[in-house]
Amino acid sequence: MVVSASTTKITWELLPEDFVLDDEPVDNVNQPSLAAALTESLELAGKLPETALATTNYGICATVNGKFVIKAPDWAYVP
């Protein structure tokens, strides 16, 4: 078995002032309701501590090998 390591350069920079992020949903228009229901369910069950962070409706932006990449997770939990 041959294993080779790839080199990926990832940097975190501010987006340019003229960069436009589209507000229109890309695929799942039900995502905000599902994310809210998940968060509320965890809160009601006592599974979401006050110190935790549950996030929706955001984008993670990075530059990967010189190209802007933007990903928008449906829901995230940070304990």
PDB file of N, CA and C in Angstrom:
ATOM      1  N   MET A   1       0.842  -1.174   0.000  1.00  0.00           N
ATOM      2  CA  MET A   1       0.000   0.000   0.000  1.00  0.00           C
ATOM      3  C   MET A   1       0.889   1.240   0.000  1.00  0.00           C
ATOM      4  N   VAL A   2       0.591   2.154  -0.885  1.00  0.00           N
ATOM      5  CA  VAL A   2       1.338   3.403  -0.969  1.00  0.00           C
ATOM      6  C   VAL A   2       0.475   4.524  -0.410  1.00  0.00           C
ATOM      7  N   VAL A   3       1.039   5.272   0.494  1.00  0.00           N
ATOM      8  CA  VAL A   3       0.324   6.399   1.090  1.00  0.00           C
ATOM      9  C   VAL A   3       1.062   7.673   0.733  1.00  0.00           C
ATOM     10  N   SER A   4       0.318   8.626   0.208  1.00  0.00           N
ATOM     11  CA  SER A   4       0.938   9.916  -0.095  1.00  0.00           C
ATOM     12  C   SER A   4       0.158  11.017   0.616  1.00  0.00           C
ATOM     13  N   ALA A   5       0.877  11.969   1.111  1.00  0.00           N
ATOM     14  CA  ALA A   5       0.253  13.090   1.818  1.00  0.00           C
ATOM     15  C   ALA A   5       0.049  14.244   0.849  1.00  0.00           C
ATOM     16  N   SER A   6      -1.140  14.801   0.881  1.00  0.00           N
ATOM     17  CA  SER A   6      -1.387  15.977   0.049  1.00  0.00           C
ATOM     18  C   SER A   6      -1.178  17.225   0.898  1.00  0.00           C
ATOM     19  N   THR A   7      -0.805  18.284   0.252  1.00  0.00           N
ATOM     20  CA  THR A   7      -0.644  19.543   0.975  1.00  0.00           C
ATOM     21  C   THR A   7      -1.772  20.477   0.570  1.00  0.00           C
ATOM     22  N   THR A   8      -2.558  20.822   1.533  1.00  0.00           N
ATOM     23  CA  THR A   8      -3.674  21.737   1.324  1.00  0.00           C
ATOM     24  C   THR A   8      -3.414  22.964   2.171  1.00  0.00           C
ATOM     25  N   LYS A   9      -3.471  24.127   1.534  1.00  0.00           N
ATOM     26  CA  LYS A   9      -3.260  25.370   2.267  1.00  0.00           C
ATOM     27  C   LYS A   9      -4.622  25.998   2.559  1.00  0.00           C
ATOM     28  N   ILE A  10      -4.935  26.112   3.845  1.00  0.00           N
ATOM     29  CA  ILE A  10      -6.202  26.705   4.279  1.00  0.00           C
ATOM     30  C   ILE A  10      -5.892  27.979   5.046  1.00  0.00           C
ATOM     31  N   THR A  11      -6.521  29.073   4.628  1.00  0.00           N
ATOM     32  CA  THR A  11      -6.367  30.337   5.343  1.00  0.00           C
ATOM     33  C   THR A  11      -7.753  30.889   5.663  1.00  0.00           C
ATOM     34  N   TRP A  12      -7.822  31.665   6.724  1.00  0.00           N
ATOM     35  CA  TRP A  12      -9.067  32.285   7.163  1.00  0.00           C
ATOM     36  C   TRP A  12      -8.891  33.792   7.035  1.00  0.00           C
ATOM     37  N   GLU A  13      -9.635  34.371   6.119  1.00  0.00           N
ATOM     38  CA  GLU A  13      -9.514  35.801   5.858  1.00  0.00           C
ATOM     39  C   GLU A  13     -10.901  36.427   5.801  1.00  0.00           C
ATOM     40  N   LEU A  14     -10.963  37.726   5.975  1.00  0.00           N
ATOM     41  CA  LEU A  14     -12.224  38.443   5.789  1.00  0.00           C
ATOM     42  C   LEU A  14     -12.603  38.402   4.317  1.00  0.00           C
ATOM     43  N   LEU A  15     -13.904  38.308   4.062  1.00  0.00           N
ATOM     44  CA  LEU A  15     -14.357  38.367   2.675  1.00  0.00           C
ATOM     45  C   LEU A  15     -14.148  39.776   2.141  1.00  0.00           C
ATOM     46  N   PRO A  16     -13.905  39.903   0.845  1.00  0.00           N
ATOM     47  CA  PRO A  16     -13.781  41.242   0.267  1.00  0.00           C
ATOM     48  C   PRO A  16     -15.075  42.032   0.462  1.00  0.00           C
ATOM     49  N   GLU A  17     -14.957  43.342   0.557  1.00  0.00           N
ATOM     50  CA  GLU A  17     -16.123  44.215   0.770  1.00  0.00           C
ATOM     51  C   GLU A  17     -17.201  44.016  -0.293  1.00  0.00           C
ATOM     52  N   ASP A  18     -16.805  43.720  -1.531  1.00  0.00           N
ATOM     53  CA  ASP A  18     -17.762  43.602  -2.629  1.00  0.00           C
ATOM     54  C   ASP A  18     -18.268  42.171  -2.836  1.00  0.00           C
ATOM     55  N   PHE A  19     -17.934  41.238  -1.930  1.00  0.00           N
ATOM     56  CA  PHE A  19     -18.363  39.848  -2.063  1.00  0.00           C
ATOM     57  C   PHE A  19     -19.832  39.739  -1.669  1.00  0.00           C
ATOM     58  N   VAL A  20     -20.657  39.178  -2.544  1.00  0.00           N
ATOM     59  CA  VAL A  20     -22.093  39.078  -2.304  1.00  0.00           C
ATOM     60  C   VAL A  20     -22.448  37.639  -1.936  1.00  0.00           C
ATOM     61  N   LEU A  21     -23.048  37.465  -0.759  1.00  0.00           N
ATOM     62  CA  LEU A  21     -23.556  36.160  -0.354  1.00  0.00           C
ATOM     63  C   LEU A  21     -25.036  36.100  -0.699  1.00  0.00           C
ATOM     64  N   ASP A  22     -25.432  35.082  -1.445  1.00  0.00           N
ATOM     65  CA  ASP A  22     -26.815  34.926  -1.879  1.00  0.00           C
ATOM     66  C   ASP A  22     -27.712  34.596  -0.688  1.00  0.00           C
ATOM     67  N   ASP A  23     -28.858  35.238  -0.596  1.00  0.00           N
ATOM     68  CA  ASP A  23     -29.811  34.995   0.487  1.00  0.00           C
ATOM     69  C   ASP A  23     -30.808  33.885   0.172  1.00  0.00           C
ATOM     70  N   GLU A  24     -30.880  33.473  -1.079  1.00  0.00           N
ATOM     71  CA  GLU A  24     -31.851  32.471  -1.490  1.00  0.00           C
ATOM     72  C   GLU A  24     -31.422  31.078  -1.041  1.00  0.00           C
ATOM     73  N   PRO A  25     -32.373  30.261  -0.559  1.00  0.00           N
ATOM     74  CA  PRO A  25     -32.024  28.891  -0.170  1.00  0.00           C
ATOM     75  C   PRO A  25     -31.541  28.098  -1.378  1.00  0.00           C
ATOM     76  N   VAL A  26     -30.555  27.255  -1.149  1.00  0.00           N
ATOM     77  CA  VAL A  26     -29.987  26.478  -2.247  1.00  0.00           C
ATOM     78  C   VAL A  26     -30.757  25.191  -2.466  1.00  0.00           C
ATOM     79  N   ASP A  27     -31.081  24.478  -1.396  1.00  0.00           N
ATOM     80  CA  ASP A  27     -31.767  23.210  -1.597  1.00  0.00           C
ATOM     81  C   ASP A  27     -32.897  22.952  -0.601  1.00  0.00           C
ATOM     82  N   ASN A  28     -32.630  22.949   0.673  1.00  0.00           N
ATOM     83  CA  ASN A  28     -33.622  22.546   1.654  1.00  0.00           C
ATOM     84  C   ASN A  28     -34.282  23.762   2.301  1.00  0.00           C
ATOM     85  N   VAL A  29     -35.457  24.125   1.815  1.00  0.00           N
ATOM     86  CA  VAL A  29     -36.156  25.290   2.369  1.00  0.00           C
ATOM     87  C   VAL A  29     -36.778  24.991   3.733  1.00  0.00           C
ATOM     88  N   ASN A  30     -36.847  23.712   4.120  1.00  0.00           N
ATOM     89  CA  ASN A  30     -37.396  23.332   5.424  1.00  0.00           C
ATOM     90  C   ASN A  30     -36.345  23.356   6.525  1.00  0.00           C
ATOM     91  N   GLN A  31     -35.093  23.606   6.182  1.00  0.00           N
ATOM     92  CA  GLN A  31     -33.990  23.540   7.138  1.00  0.00           C
ATOM     93  C   GLN A  31     -34.194  24.422   8.359  1.00  0.00           C
ATOM     94  N   PRO A  32     -34.591  25.692   8.230  1.00  0.00           N
ATOM     95  CA  PRO A  32     -34.739  26.519   9.438  1.00  0.00           C
ATOM     96  C   PRO A  32     -35.741  25.938  10.437  1.00  0.00           C
ATOM     97  N   SER A  33     -36.843  25.408   9.957  1.00  0.00           N
ATOM     98  CA  SER A  33     -37.845  24.817  10.856  1.00  0.00           C
ATOM     99  C   SER A  33     -37.313  23.564  11.530  1.00  0.00           C
ATOM    100  N   LEU A  34     -36.609  22.726  10.773  1.00  0.00           N
ATOM    101  CA  LEU A  34     -36.037  21.500  11.342  1.00  0.00           C
ATOM    102  C   LEU A  34     -34.967  21.824  12.381  1.00  0.00           C
ATOM    103  N   ALA A  35     -34.125  22.804  12.083  1.00  0.00           N
ATOM    104  CA  ALA A  35     -33.065  23.195  13.019  1.00  0.00           C
ATOM    105  C   ALA A  35     -33.666  23.761  14.307  1.00  0.00           C
ATOM    106  N   ALA A  36     -34.700  24.573  14.175  1.00  0.00           N
ATOM    107  CA  ALA A  36     -35.362  25.139  15.358  1.00  0.00           C
ATOM    108  C   ALA A  36     -36.003  24.032  16.196  1.00  0.00           C
ATOM    109  N   ALA A  37     -36.628  23.061  15.528  1.00  0.00           N
ATOM    110  CA  ALA A  37     -37.257  21.949  16.248  1.00  0.00           C
ATOM    111  C   ALA A  37     -36.214  21.107  16.975  1.00  0.00           C
ATOM    112  N   LEU A  38     -35.077  20.866  16.338  1.00  0.00           N
ATOM    113  CA  LEU A  38     -34.008  20.096  16.972  1.00  0.00           C
ATOM    114  C   LEU A  38     -33.478  20.821  18.206  1.00  0.00           C
ATOM    115  N   THR A  39     -33.214  22.103  18.062  1.00  0.00           N
ATOM    116  CA  THR A  39     -32.712  22.890  19.191  1.00  0.00           C
ATOM    117  C   THR A  39     -33.719  22.902  20.337  1.00  0.00           C
ATOM    118  N   GLU A  40     -34.981  23.146  20.016  1.00  0.00           N
ATOM    119  CA  GLU A  40     -36.016  23.190  21.057  1.00  0.00           C
ATOM    120  C   GLU A  40     -36.177  21.831  21.739  1.00  0.00           C
ATOM    121  N   SER A  41     -36.120  20.749  20.960  1.00  0.00           N
ATOM    122  CA  SER A  41     -36.238  19.404  21.538  1.00  0.00           C
ATOM    123  C   SER A  41     -35.123  19.135  22.534  1.00  0.00           C
ATOM    124  N   LEU A  42     -33.902  19.511  22.172  1.00  0.00           N
ATOM    125  CA  LEU A  42     -32.771  19.315  23.077  1.00  0.00           C
ATOM    126  C   LEU A  42     -32.915  20.164  24.339  1.00  0.00           C
ATOM    127  N   GLU A  43     -33.406  21.403  24.179  1.00  0.00           N
ATOM    128  CA  GLU A  43     -33.614  22.272  25.341  1.00  0.00           C
ATOM    129  C   GLU A  43     -34.666  21.687  26.277  1.00  0.00           C
ATOM    130  N   LEU A  44     -35.799  21.263  25.725  1.00  0.00           N
ATOM    131  CA  LEU A  44     -36.888  20.721  26.541  1.00  0.00           C
ATOM    132  C   LEU A  44     -36.492  19.428  27.247  1.00  0.00           C
ATOM    133  N   ALA A  45     -35.615  18.647  26.619  1.00  0.00           N
ATOM    134  CA  ALA A  45     -35.163  17.387  27.216  1.00  0.00           C
ATOM    135  C   ALA A  45     -34.022  17.604  28.205  1.00  0.00           C
ATOM    136  N   GLY A  46     -33.590  18.856  28.360  1.00  0.00           N
ATOM    137  CA  GLY A  46     -32.497  19.146  29.278  1.00  0.00           C
ATOM    138  C   GLY A  46     -31.147  18.675  28.770  1.00  0.00           C
ATOM    139  N   LYS A  47     -31.022  18.507  27.464  1.00  0.00           N
ATOM    140  CA  LYS A  47     -29.780  18.002  26.867  1.00  0.00           C
ATOM    141  C   LYS A  47     -28.922  19.105  26.255  1.00  0.00           C
ATOM    142  N   LEU A  48     -29.384  20.348  26.359  1.00  0.00           N
ATOM    143  CA  LEU A  48     -28.641  21.468  25.786  1.00  0.00           C
ATOM    144  C   LEU A  48     -28.251  22.412  26.924  1.00  0.00           C
ATOM    145  N   PRO A  49     -27.032  22.273  27.451  1.00  0.00           N
ATOM    146  CA  PRO A  49     -26.619  23.119  28.575  1.00  0.00           C
ATOM    147  C   PRO A  49     -26.625  24.603  28.192  1.00  0.00           C
ATOM    148  N   GLU A  50     -26.760  25.460  29.188  1.00  0.00           N
ATOM    149  CA  GLU A  50     -26.761  26.904  28.935  1.00  0.00           C
ATOM    150  C   GLU A  50     -25.444  27.383  28.350  1.00  0.00           C
ATOM    151  N   THR A  51     -24.379  26.645  28.599  1.00  0.00           N
ATOM    152  CA  THR A  51     -23.064  27.034  28.081  1.00  0.00           C
ATOM    153  C   THR A  51     -22.828  26.534  26.660  1.00  0.00           C
ATOM    154  N   ALA A  52     -23.769  25.760  26.117  1.00  0.00           N
ATOM    155  CA  ALA A  52     -23.613  25.213  24.766  1.00  0.00           C
ATOM    156  C   ALA A  52     -24.043  26.240  23.725  1.00  0.00           C
ATOM    157  N   LEU A  53     -23.584  26.031  22.523  1.00  0.00           N
ATOM    158  CA  LEU A  53     -23.928  26.905  21.407  1.00  0.00           C
ATOM    159  C   LEU A  53     -24.541  26.053  20.300  1.00  0.00           C
ATOM    160  N   ALA A  54     -25.781  26.352  19.934  1.00  0.00           N
ATOM    161  CA  ALA A  54     -26.441  25.687  18.810  1.00  0.00           C
ATOM    162  C   ALA A  54     -26.648  26.752  17.740  1.00  0.00           C
ATOM    163  N   THR A  55     -26.120  26.516  16.558  1.00  0.00           N
ATOM    164  CA  THR A  55     -26.148  27.550  15.521  1.00  0.00           C
ATOM    165  C   THR A  55     -26.870  27.077  14.267  1.00  0.00           C
ATOM    166  N   THR A  56     -27.509  28.030  13.591  1.00  0.00           N
ATOM    167  CA  THR A  56     -28.157  27.778  12.304  1.00  0.00           C
ATOM    168  C   THR A  56     -27.982  29.018  11.439  1.00  0.00           C
ATOM    169  N   ASN A  57     -28.250  28.860  10.167  1.00  0.00           N
ATOM    170  CA  ASN A  57     -28.305  29.992   9.240  1.00  0.00           C
ATOM    171  C   ASN A  57     -27.022  30.819   9.235  1.00  0.00           C
ATOM    172  N   TYR A  58     -25.906  30.175   8.955  1.00  0.00           N
ATOM    173  CA  TYR A  58     -24.625  30.867   8.912  1.00  0.00           C
ATOM    174  C   TYR A  58     -23.746  30.211   7.854  1.00  0.00           C
ATOM    175  N   GLY A  59     -22.684  30.850   7.511  1.00  0.00           N
ATOM    176  CA  GLY A  59     -21.742  30.280   6.553  1.00  0.00           C
ATOM    177  C   GLY A  59     -20.345  30.249   7.132  1.00  0.00           C
ATOM    178  N   ILE A  60     -19.622  29.198   6.811  1.00  0.00           N
ATOM    179  CA  ILE A  60     -18.217  29.091   7.186  1.00  0.00           C
ATOM    180  C   ILE A  60     -17.416  29.391   5.930  1.00  0.00           C
ATOM    181  N   CYS A  61     -16.584  30.418   5.989  1.00  0.00           N
ATOM    182  CA  CYS A  61     -15.813  30.858   4.828  1.00  0.00           C
ATOM    183  C   CYS A  61     -14.329  30.609   5.064  1.00  0.00           C
ATOM    184  N   ALA A  62     -13.659  30.083   4.061  1.00  0.00           N
ATOM    185  CA  ALA A  62     -12.212  29.857   4.131  1.00  0.00           C
ATOM    186  C   ALA A  62     -11.652  29.970   2.724  1.00  0.00           C
ATOM    187  N   THR A  63     -10.350  30.116   2.650  1.00  0.00           N
ATOM    188  CA  THR A  63      -9.667  30.066   1.363  1.00  0.00           C
ATOM    189  C   THR A  63      -8.879  28.762   1.348  1.00  0.00           C
ATOM    190  N   VAL A  64      -9.179  27.903   0.388  1.00  0.00           N
ATOM    191  CA  VAL A  64      -8.515  26.606   0.269  1.00  0.00           C
ATOM    192  C   VAL A  64      -7.736  26.602  -1.038  1.00  0.00           C
ATOM    193  N   ASN A  65      -6.424  26.492  -0.910  1.00  0.00           N
ATOM    194  CA  ASN A  65      -5.541  26.530  -2.078  1.00  0.00           C
ATOM    195  C   ASN A  65      -5.833  27.737  -2.972  1.00  0.00           C
ATOM    196  N   GLY A  66      -6.066  28.892  -2.348  1.00  0.00           N
ATOM    197  CA  GLY A  66      -6.266  30.132  -3.089  1.00  0.00           C
ATOM    198  C   GLY A  66      -7.676  30.359  -3.605  1.00  0.00           C
ATOM    199  N   LYS A  67      -8.622  29.474  -3.295  1.00  0.00           N
ATOM    200  CA  LYS A  67      -9.992  29.603  -3.794  1.00  0.00           C
ATOM    201  C   LYS A  67     -10.948  29.773  -2.612  1.00  0.00           C
ATOM    202  N   PHE A  68     -11.870  30.766  -2.700  1.00  0.00           N
ATOM    203  CA  PHE A  68     -12.870  30.953  -1.646  1.00  0.00           C
ATOM    204  C   PHE A  68     -13.807  29.749  -1.609  1.00  0.00           C
ATOM    205  N   VAL A  69     -14.062  29.242  -0.416  1.00  0.00           N
ATOM    206  CA  VAL A  69     -14.997  28.142  -0.220  1.00  0.00           C
ATOM    207  C   VAL A  69     -15.950  28.567   0.888  1.00  0.00           C
ATOM    208  N   ILE A  70     -17.241  28.431   0.635  1.00  0.00           N
ATOM    209  CA  ILE A  70     -18.246  28.786   1.632  1.00  0.00           C
ATOM    210  C   ILE A  70     -19.166  27.586   1.822  1.00  0.00           C
ATOM    211  N   LYS A  71     -19.309  27.154   3.055  1.00  0.00           N
ATOM    212  CA  LYS A  71     -20.198  26.040   3.377  1.00  0.00           C
ATOM    213  C   LYS A  71     -21.213  26.525   4.398  1.00  0.00           C
ATOM    214  N   ALA A  72     -22.439  26.065   4.262  1.00  0.00           N
ATOM    215  CA  ALA A  72     -23.504  26.477   5.175  1.00  0.00           C
ATOM    216  C   ALA A  72     -24.117  25.237   5.823  1.00  0.00           C
ATOM    217  N   PRO A  73     -23.596  24.836   6.983  1.00  0.00           N
ATOM    218  CA  PRO A  73     -24.169  23.672   7.668  1.00  0.00           C
ATOM    219  C   PRO A  73     -25.615  23.945   8.080  1.00  0.00           C
ATOM    220  N   ASP A  74     -26.439  22.907   8.082  1.00  0.00           N
ATOM    221  CA  ASP A  74     -27.833  23.060   8.494  1.00  0.00           C
ATOM    222  C   ASP A  74     -27.954  23.385   9.977  1.00  0.00           C
ATOM    223  N   TRP A  75     -27.076  22.785  10.771  1.00  0.00           N
ATOM    224  CA  TRP A  75     -27.174  22.937  12.222  1.00  0.00           C
ATOM    225  C   TRP A  75     -25.842  22.536  12.817  1.00  0.00           C
ATOM    226  N   ALA A  76     -25.435  23.182  13.881  1.00  0.00           N
ATOM    227  CA  ALA A  76     -24.186  22.813  14.551  1.00  0.00           C
ATOM    228  C   ALA A  76     -24.367  22.949  16.052  1.00  0.00           C
ATOM    229  N   TYR A  77     -23.618  22.149  16.784  1.00  0.00           N
ATOM    230  CA  TYR A  77     -23.666  22.149  18.244  1.00  0.00           C
ATOM    231  C   TYR A  77     -22.242  22.223  18.766  1.00  0.00           C
ATOM    232  N   VAL A  78     -21.985  23.188  19.634  1.00  0.00           N
ATOM    233  CA  VAL A  78     -20.679  23.325  20.276  1.00  0.00           C
ATOM    234  C   VAL A  78     -20.920  23.240  21.778  1.00  0.00           C
ATOM    235  N   PRO A  79     -20.415  22.163  22.422  1.00  0.00           N
ATOM    236  CA  PRO A  79     -20.669  21.994  23.861  1.00  0.00           C
ATOM    237  C   PRO A  79     -19.982  23.044  24.707  1.00  0.00           C
TER     238      PRO A  79
END
